[in-house]
Amino acid sequence: MIGIDIGGANLKVVDDAGVHIHYCPLWQGAPLAELLKPYAGKPAAVVMSGELADCFAGKMDGIRWIVEAVQEVLPDAVFYGTDAVFHTRPVPALAAANWLASADYLRENYADAVLLDVGSTTADVIPLNCFEELKDLTDTRRLQEQYLVYTGMLRTNVATLLLSVTLGGTATPVSTEYFAASADAHLALGHISPEDYTSPAPDNGEKTPEAALRRLARVVCADLDEIGRDGALAIARQFWDAQRTLIARAVEHAVSRSGAGRLITAGIGADLFARELGGVTLEEEIGEFSDALPAYAVREVALRQSGGT
């Protein structure tokens, strides 16, 4: 069996060979069915969050399109919903259920933990001992409960977390244009490697530390030689401080509400946030699969329910 997680920007597939991540921007008409063809003929368990892509008029339109595209290649696929049930047709419960699949898989062995899964776009904060309360939560409700923090390691517009930055002791308002992404800040600070920068750069340019610094300088409408490397790095550090604070507050809130005794981390930001917030990564337990946790989790939940191996 394979596990599939269909987001708005990335398609993640887990099989016995490992993790396969395909850039799949649904809002640009990405050929989802074509990308799935190498996996044809295999039973599949699927979760999604890509139904929210703005190419769809509404969530149900997105759900129907995704289910049809998957079933075109994998006709026997089953789809995990926020009701913790597998479905074979489009239903509202399929919207943004990938985080719940992760919780379903982990809740028995990590019932004393909060899971922090930091991906390219968002951070899921999941108290694993609250599974019954988590069922049927929409993304809107998760935002309200601080279980979903809409910032990630790669695709966040730097200007969404910063109104201004301090440069040389002077408060400097930022441009709200999409000049630099979180990937630029994390690359400039050494949190990720160029190989980790898998999303397109805001200017579709190079994914090097130097190019990242140039994009960061544009956030204050400057060229790099105007504010220097130190100025661009200051923007990166202030973005990181704001992002870390936002996610840390959500984690503290979940720990307080659930009484959890530890933090476990997954996703591309697992190592960074484990260091920063005093957690441990899932990598020791499930290896590379922690980078595509929902895809791995939905496969494991499906196998568990079917009694398979």
Protein backbone atom coordinates (compact mmCIF):
# COMPACT_ATOMS: atom_id res chain seq x y z
CA MET A 1 0.00 0.00 0.00
CA ILE A 2 1.07 3.58 -0.64
CA GLY A 3 0.21 6.71 1.33
CA ILE A 4 -0.53 9.96 -0.47
CA ASP A 5 -0.76 13.50 0.88
CA ILE A 6 -2.07 16.04 -1.64
CA GLY A 7 -1.40 19.61 -0.62
CA GLY A 8 -1.89 22.77 -2.58
CA ALA A 9 1.81 22.95 -3.49
CA ASN A 10 3.27 19.48 -2.97
CA LEU A 11 2.30 15.89 -3.65
CA LYS A 12 3.92 13.50 -1.18
CA VAL A 13 3.89 9.75 -1.72
CA VAL A 14 5.20 7.11 0.67
CA ASP A 15 5.81 3.54 -0.41
CA ASP A 16 8.14 0.73 0.60
CA ALA A 17 10.96 2.45 -1.31
CA GLY A 18 10.73 5.63 0.72
CA VAL A 19 9.43 9.19 0.35
CA HIS A 20 8.70 10.81 -3.01
CA ILE A 21 7.94 14.56 -3.06
CA HIS A 22 6.66 16.18 -6.25
CA TYR A 23 6.12 19.92 -6.64
CA CYS A 24 2.45 20.11 -7.59
CA PRO A 25 0.97 23.64 -7.52
CA LEU A 26 -2.72 22.94 -7.98
CA TRP A 27 -3.53 26.62 -8.50
CA GLN A 28 -1.34 26.51 -11.61
CA GLY A 29 -3.13 23.49 -13.05
CA ALA A 30 -0.55 20.90 -12.01
CA PRO A 31 -1.22 17.50 -13.64
CA LEU A 32 -2.01 15.52 -10.51
CA ALA A 33 -3.15 12.38 -12.36
CA GLU A 34 0.02 12.37 -14.48
CA LEU A 35 2.22 12.64 -11.41
CA LEU A 36 0.42 9.68 -9.86
CA LYS A 37 0.76 7.36 -12.87
CA PRO A 38 4.07 5.81 -11.69
CA TYR A 39 2.14 4.47 -8.68
CA ALA A 40 -0.74 2.95 -10.65
CA GLY A 41 -1.84 -0.53 -9.71
CA LYS A 42 -1.13 -0.15 -6.00
CA PRO A 43 -3.70 0.17 -3.22
CA ALA A 44 -3.62 3.70 -1.84
CA ALA A 45 -4.71 5.64 1.21
CA VAL A 46 -5.04 9.38 0.64
CA VAL A 47 -5.26 12.59 2.63
CA MET A 48 -5.55 16.10 1.24
CA SER A 49 -5.40 19.79 2.01
CA GLY A 50 -5.16 21.01 -1.58
CA GLU A 51 -8.90 21.54 -1.83
CA LEU A 52 -8.29 25.04 -0.44
CA ALA A 53 -6.31 26.10 -3.53
CA ASP A 54 -7.86 29.22 -5.00
CA CYS A 55 -8.33 27.60 -8.41
CA PHE A 56 -11.39 25.92 -6.89
CA ALA A 57 -14.61 27.86 -6.29
CA GLY A 58 -15.07 26.10 -2.95
CA LYS A 59 -13.75 23.22 -0.89
CA MET A 60 -16.21 20.67 -2.30
CA ASP A 61 -15.17 21.59 -5.83
CA GLY A 62 -11.57 20.94 -4.83
CA ILE A 63 -12.41 17.69 -3.07
CA ARG A 64 -14.32 16.38 -6.10
CA TRP A 65 -11.52 17.33 -8.48
CA ILE A 66 -8.83 15.70 -6.32
CA VAL A 67 -10.84 12.51 -5.74
CA GLU A 68 -11.57 12.19 -9.46
CA ALA A 69 -7.93 12.79 -10.41
CA VAL A 70 -6.73 10.16 -7.93
CA GLN A 71 -9.37 7.61 -8.89
CA GLU A 72 -8.50 8.06 -12.56
CA VAL A 73 -5.16 6.40 -11.79
CA LEU A 74 -5.89 4.58 -8.51
CA PRO A 75 -9.57 3.54 -8.72
CA ASP A 76 -9.54 1.66 -5.41
CA ALA A 77 -8.03 4.50 -3.37
CA VAL A 78 -9.57 5.33 -0.01
CA PHE A 79 -9.64 8.85 1.44
CA TYR A 80 -9.22 9.68 5.13
CA GLY A 81 -11.53 12.31 6.60
CA THR A 82 -11.68 14.55 9.64
CA ASP A 83 -14.22 12.07 11.03
CA ALA A 84 -11.32 9.55 11.22
CA VAL A 85 -13.13 7.35 8.68
CA PHE A 86 -11.99 6.24 5.21
CA HIS A 87 -14.27 7.21 2.33
CA THR A 88 -14.47 6.21 -1.33
CA ARG A 89 -16.31 9.25 -2.67
CA PRO A 90 -16.13 13.04 -2.25
CA VAL A 91 -17.55 14.18 1.09
CA PRO A 92 -16.96 17.39 3.07
CA ALA A 93 -15.02 15.52 5.78
CA LEU A 94 -12.12 15.01 3.37
CA ALA A 95 -11.15 18.69 3.58
CA ALA A 96 -7.77 19.16 5.29
CA ALA A 97 -7.65 15.86 7.15
CA ASN A 98 -3.92 15.22 6.72
CA TRP A 99 -3.03 16.47 10.21
CA LEU A 100 -5.64 14.18 11.82
CA ALA A 101 -4.15 11.15 10.06
CA SER A 102 -0.84 12.00 11.71
CA ALA A 103 -2.55 12.22 15.09
CA ASP A 104 -4.41 8.95 14.52
CA TYR A 105 -1.15 7.13 13.78
CA LEU A 106 0.83 8.62 16.67
CA ARG A 107 -1.76 8.90 19.45
CA GLU A 108 -1.19 5.50 21.04
CA ASN A 109 2.59 5.58 21.31
CA TYR A 110 2.88 9.32 22.00
CA ALA A 111 -0.23 10.06 24.07
CA ASP A 112 1.83 12.26 26.41
CA ALA A 113 3.08 14.52 23.61
CA VAL A 114 2.22 17.49 21.46
CA LEU A 115 3.17 16.98 17.81
CA LEU A 116 4.63 19.95 15.94
CA ASP A 117 4.77 19.26 12.19
CA VAL A 118 6.42 22.21 10.42
CA GLY A 119 6.23 21.94 6.65
CA SER A 120 6.87 24.24 3.73
CA THR A 121 3.71 26.28 4.25
CA THR A 122 2.13 25.63 7.64
CA ALA A 123 2.76 24.32 11.12
CA ASP A 124 0.38 21.80 12.68
CA VAL A 125 0.26 21.80 16.49
CA ILE A 126 -1.53 18.66 17.66
CA PRO A 127 -2.10 17.53 21.28
CA LEU A 128 -2.15 13.77 20.77
CA ASN A 129 -4.12 12.96 23.90
CA CYS A 130 -7.11 14.97 22.64
CA PHE A 131 -7.95 12.85 19.60
CA GLU A 132 -11.71 12.68 20.11
CA GLU A 133 -11.85 16.46 20.55
CA LEU A 134 -9.81 16.95 17.37
CA LYS A 135 -12.24 15.09 15.13
CA ASP A 136 -14.27 17.18 12.71
CA LEU A 137 -12.24 20.33 13.27
CA THR A 138 -12.07 22.50 10.15
CA ASP A 139 -8.99 24.53 9.36
CA THR A 140 -10.87 27.64 10.45
CA ARG A 141 -11.52 26.09 13.85
CA ARG A 142 -7.91 24.94 14.07
CA LEU A 143 -6.74 28.48 13.38
CA GLN A 144 -9.00 29.68 16.18
CA GLU A 145 -7.69 27.02 18.56
CA GLN A 146 -4.03 27.70 17.58
CA TYR A 147 -3.69 24.13 16.31
CA LEU A 148 -2.87 25.49 12.84
CA VAL A 149 -0.26 28.22 12.41
CA TYR A 150 -0.15 29.46 8.84
CA THR A 151 3.58 29.88 8.46
CA GLY A 152 6.17 27.41 7.22
CA MET A 153 9.81 26.89 6.37
CA LEU A 154 9.68 27.71 2.66
CA ARG A 155 6.64 29.47 1.23
CA THR A 156 5.68 32.17 3.76
CA ASN A 157 5.91 35.74 2.48
CA VAL A 158 8.37 37.48 4.83
CA ALA A 159 6.12 40.55 4.90
CA THR A 160 3.24 38.58 6.45
CA LEU A 161 5.05 38.38 9.80
CA LEU A 162 6.92 41.70 9.78
CA LEU A 163 5.40 45.17 9.66
CA SER A 164 8.82 46.75 10.04
CA VAL A 165 12.43 45.82 10.76
CA THR A 166 15.19 47.60 12.61
CA LEU A 167 18.14 48.48 10.40
CA GLY A 168 21.07 50.29 11.96
CA GLY A 169 18.88 51.29 14.89
CA THR A 170 16.14 52.72 12.65
CA ALA A 171 12.65 51.26 12.44
CA THR A 172 12.01 50.57 8.76
CA PRO A 173 8.57 49.65 7.38
CA VAL A 174 8.61 46.73 4.94
CA SER A 175 7.10 46.38 1.50
CA THR A 176 4.17 43.98 1.35
CA GLU A 177 5.19 42.75 -2.11
CA TYR A 178 6.21 39.09 -2.34
CA PHE A 179 9.91 39.89 -2.53
CA ALA A 180 11.26 37.23 -0.13
CA ALA A 181 10.03 33.97 1.33
CA SER A 182 10.70 32.18 4.58
CA ALA A 183 13.02 29.89 2.61
CA ASP A 184 15.25 32.90 1.94
CA ALA A 185 15.48 33.74 5.64
CA HIS A 186 16.18 30.13 6.63
CA LEU A 187 18.72 29.64 3.85
CA ALA A 188 20.53 32.86 4.76
CA LEU A 189 20.65 31.79 8.42
CA GLY A 190 21.86 28.28 7.62
CA HIS A 191 18.70 26.56 8.83
CA ILE A 192 18.17 24.84 5.47
CA SER A 193 20.41 23.92 2.56
CA PRO A 194 19.90 24.99 -1.06
CA GLU A 195 18.68 21.44 -1.73
CA ASP A 196 15.94 21.93 0.86
CA TYR A 197 14.68 25.01 -1.00
CA THR A 198 12.23 23.05 -3.12
CA SER A 199 9.62 25.72 -3.80
CA PRO A 200 10.14 28.38 -6.48
CA ALA A 201 11.95 31.50 -5.29
CA PRO A 202 9.77 34.65 -5.31
CA ASP A 203 11.74 36.00 -8.28
CA ASN A 204 12.16 32.53 -9.82
CA GLY A 205 15.88 33.11 -9.36
CA GLU A 206 18.74 31.14 -7.88
CA LYS A 207 18.44 29.35 -4.58
CA THR A 208 21.79 30.32 -3.10
CA PRO A 209 22.58 32.23 0.10
CA GLU A 210 23.66 35.25 -1.95
CA ALA A 211 20.44 35.26 -3.98
CA ALA A 212 18.44 34.86 -0.77
CA LEU A 213 20.14 37.92 0.72
CA ARG A 214 19.32 39.94 -2.41
CA ARG A 215 15.65 39.00 -2.09
CA LEU A 216 15.64 39.86 1.61
CA ALA A 217 17.09 43.31 0.85
CA ARG A 218 14.16 43.99 -1.48
CA VAL A 219 11.78 43.61 1.48
CA VAL A 220 12.90 47.14 2.46
CA CYS A 221 13.03 48.25 -1.20
CA ALA A 222 16.83 48.08 -1.29
CA ASP A 223 19.56 46.43 -3.28
CA LEU A 224 21.96 44.30 -1.30
CA ASP A 225 24.79 46.80 -1.71
CA GLU A 226 22.62 49.49 -0.09
CA ILE A 227 22.07 47.72 3.22
CA GLY A 228 24.90 45.18 3.04
CA ARG A 229 24.92 41.55 4.06
CA ASP A 230 24.50 42.56 7.70
CA GLY A 231 21.32 44.43 6.88
CA ALA A 232 19.84 41.53 4.92
CA LEU A 233 20.80 39.10 7.67
CA ALA A 234 19.13 41.38 10.20
CA ILE A 235 15.89 41.07 8.22
CA ALA A 236 16.28 37.28 8.19
CA ARG A 237 16.88 37.17 11.95
CA GLN A 238 13.91 39.39 12.73
CA PHE A 239 11.66 37.26 10.53
CA TRP A 240 12.90 34.11 12.24
CA ASP A 241 12.34 35.62 15.68
CA ALA A 242 8.74 36.49 14.75
CA GLN A 243 8.09 33.06 13.24
CA ARG A 244 9.64 31.20 16.15
CA THR A 245 7.62 33.25 18.65
CA LEU A 246 4.36 32.62 16.79
CA ILE A 247 4.87 28.85 16.67
CA ALA A 248 6.26 28.64 20.22
CA ARG A 249 3.17 30.38 21.60
CA ALA A 250 0.89 27.89 19.85
CA VAL A 251 2.93 24.99 21.23
CA GLU A 252 2.80 26.42 24.75
CA HIS A 253 -0.96 26.83 24.42
CA ALA A 254 -1.41 23.21 23.31
CA VAL A 255 0.85 21.89 26.07
CA SER A 256 -1.06 23.91 28.69
CA ARG A 257 -4.47 22.76 27.47
CA SER A 258 -3.55 19.10 27.10
CA GLY A 259 -1.12 18.61 29.98
CA ALA A 260 1.35 17.05 27.57
CA GLY A 261 4.75 16.18 28.93
CA ARG A 262 6.87 16.41 25.80
CA LEU A 263 7.14 17.81 22.30
CA ILE A 264 7.84 15.75 19.20
CA THR A 265 8.61 17.35 15.85
CA ALA A 266 8.27 16.36 12.21
CA GLY A 267 8.49 17.95 8.77
CA ILE A 268 11.22 19.99 7.15
CA GLY A 269 11.46 22.13 10.31
CA ALA A 270 11.75 19.18 12.70
CA ASP A 271 15.41 19.52 13.64
CA LEU A 272 15.32 23.30 13.95
CA PHE A 273 12.26 23.42 16.17
CA ALA A 274 13.33 20.45 18.27
CA ARG A 275 16.49 22.40 19.12
CA GLU A 276 14.71 25.67 19.68
CA LEU A 277 11.75 24.41 21.69
CA GLY A 278 13.28 21.48 23.53
CA GLY A 279 11.62 18.67 21.62
CA VAL A 280 12.71 15.45 19.95
CA THR A 281 12.24 14.57 16.30
CA LEU A 282 10.33 11.61 14.92
CA GLU A 283 13.22 10.82 12.60
CA GLU A 284 14.73 8.34 15.06
CA GLU A 285 11.47 6.42 15.05
CA ILE A 286 10.42 6.47 11.40
CA GLY A 287 13.47 7.86 9.57
CA GLU A 288 12.95 9.87 6.41
CA PHE A 289 9.20 9.25 6.56
CA SER A 290 8.97 12.03 9.17
CA ASP A 291 9.44 14.52 6.30
CA ALA A 292 6.14 13.32 4.82
CA LEU A 293 4.35 12.37 8.02
CA PRO A 294 0.70 12.58 6.87
CA ALA A 295 1.41 10.39 3.82
CA TYR A 296 3.19 7.84 6.00
CA ALA A 297 0.57 8.06 8.73
CA VAL A 298 -2.46 7.56 6.47
CA ARG A 299 -0.83 4.44 5.01
CA GLU A 300 -0.14 3.07 8.48
CA VAL A 301 -3.68 3.84 9.71
CA ALA A 302 -5.17 2.12 6.67
CA LEU A 303 -2.96 -0.93 7.17
CA ARG A 304 -3.84 -1.04 10.85
CA GLN A 305 -7.57 -0.92 10.16
CA SER A 306 -7.32 -3.60 7.47
CA GLY A 307 -5.09 -5.82 9.56
CA GLY A 308 -2.41 -5.61 6.83
CA THR A 309 1.36 -5.32 7.12
